[in-house]
């Protein structure tokens, strides 16, 4: 799937939420911005087009399950996805496990 501007904007918004941007702020060192996430996941009912687009692009991975009788999934950003989000926001985003 190709990302049009509205899907891309929604993907960026959801990816930021998944890594906790908004709850915690990036920091600046030597004129460059960095962010160390304290989490990297987003749970939602399916279907969820923006996350499915990110999975298709290799920016995210997912685990499906059933919640209250409905299809649901937990998504997380891959290293490639963290790099993509960082490029969109002009910062380096660390992997939360490092």
Protein backbone atom coordinates (compact mmCIF):
# COMPACT_ATOMS: atom_id res chain seq x y z
CA UNK A 1 0.00 0.00 0.00
CA UNK A 2 1.22 3.48 -0.86
CA UNK A 3 1.06 6.15 1.82
CA UNK A 4 -0.96 9.18 0.75
CA UNK A 5 -0.55 12.38 2.79
CA UNK A 6 -3.52 11.80 5.10
CA UNK A 7 -2.54 8.18 5.82
CA UNK A 8 1.09 9.25 6.33
CA UNK A 9 0.02 11.94 8.83
CA UNK A 10 -2.11 9.40 10.73
CA UNK A 11 0.76 6.86 10.68
CA UNK A 12 3.12 9.45 12.17
CA UNK A 13 0.56 10.35 14.84
CA UNK A 14 -0.02 6.70 15.83
CA UNK A 15 3.71 5.87 15.75
CA UNK A 16 4.47 8.84 18.01
CA UNK A 17 1.84 7.64 20.46
CA UNK A 18 3.22 4.08 20.35
CA UNK A 19 6.68 5.22 21.48
CA UNK A 20 5.36 7.68 24.05
CA UNK A 21 6.18 10.95 22.32
CA UNK A 22 3.89 13.47 23.93
CA UNK A 23 4.33 11.97 27.39
CA UNK A 24 8.09 12.33 27.31
CA UNK A 25 10.09 14.89 25.31
CA UNK A 26 13.13 14.48 23.07
CA UNK A 27 16.43 15.93 24.24
CA UNK A 28 19.07 17.88 22.34
CA UNK A 29 22.79 17.15 22.42
CA UNK A 30 25.36 18.90 20.21
CA UNK A 31 22.56 20.47 18.17
CA UNK A 32 20.87 17.13 17.34
CA UNK A 33 17.59 15.82 18.74
CA UNK A 34 17.31 12.37 20.35
CA UNK A 35 14.51 10.40 21.94
CA UNK A 36 14.64 7.28 24.09
CA UNK A 37 11.17 5.66 24.21
CA UNK A 38 9.90 4.08 27.40
CA UNK A 39 7.49 1.90 25.42
CA UNK A 40 6.90 0.71 21.86
CA UNK A 41 3.43 -0.74 21.40
CA UNK A 42 -0.10 0.18 20.39
CA UNK A 43 -3.15 -2.07 20.89
CA UNK A 44 -6.32 -1.62 18.85
CA UNK A 45 -9.25 -3.43 17.28
CA UNK A 46 -8.89 -4.51 13.67
CA UNK A 47 -9.01 -3.40 10.95
CA UNK A 48 -6.70 -0.40 11.43
CA UNK A 49 -5.53 0.87 8.04
CA UNK A 50 -2.64 3.10 9.18
CA UNK A 51 -1.01 0.29 11.15
CA UNK A 52 -1.63 -2.18 8.33
CA UNK A 53 0.13 0.25 5.95
CA UNK A 54 3.10 0.50 8.34
CA UNK A 55 3.29 -3.31 8.63
CA UNK A 56 3.21 -3.59 4.83
CA UNK A 57 6.05 -1.06 4.54
CA UNK A 58 8.15 -2.96 7.11
CA UNK A 59 7.90 -0.15 9.66
CA UNK A 60 5.86 -2.16 12.16
CA UNK A 61 5.12 -5.70 13.27
CA UNK A 62 1.99 -7.07 14.88
CA UNK A 63 0.50 -9.83 17.00
CA UNK A 64 -3.18 -10.63 16.47
CA UNK A 65 -5.55 -11.86 19.16
CA UNK A 66 -9.22 -11.73 20.09
CA UNK A 67 -10.60 -9.12 22.51
CA UNK A 68 -14.22 -9.21 23.61
CA UNK A 69 -15.08 -11.44 20.66
CA UNK A 70 -13.47 -9.11 18.09
CA UNK A 71 -10.21 -9.24 16.18
CA UNK A 72 -7.54 -7.06 17.77
CA UNK A 73 -3.80 -6.61 17.50
CA UNK A 74 -0.82 -5.14 19.25
CA UNK A 75 1.55 -3.28 16.94
CA UNK A 76 5.12 -2.12 17.53
CA UNK A 77 7.66 -0.25 15.43
CA UNK A 78 10.59 -2.16 13.95
CA UNK A 79 14.07 -0.62 13.86
CA UNK A 80 13.25 0.48 10.30
CA UNK A 81 10.05 2.06 11.61
CA UNK A 82 11.87 3.90 14.39
CA UNK A 83 14.32 5.25 11.78
CA UNK A 84 11.43 6.27 9.49
CA UNK A 85 9.63 8.08 12.33
CA UNK A 86 12.87 9.75 13.39
CA UNK A 87 13.43 10.97 9.82
CA UNK A 88 9.90 12.39 9.73
CA UNK A 89 10.45 14.24 13.02
CA UNK A 90 14.11 15.22 12.58
CA UNK A 91 15.55 13.17 15.46
CA UNK A 92 17.20 9.86 16.29
CA UNK A 93 14.90 7.46 18.14
CA UNK A 94 16.59 4.72 20.14
CA UNK A 95 15.19 1.22 20.43
CA UNK A 96 13.48 1.07 23.85
CA UNK A 97 15.26 -2.21 24.62
CA UNK A 98 18.74 -0.62 24.28
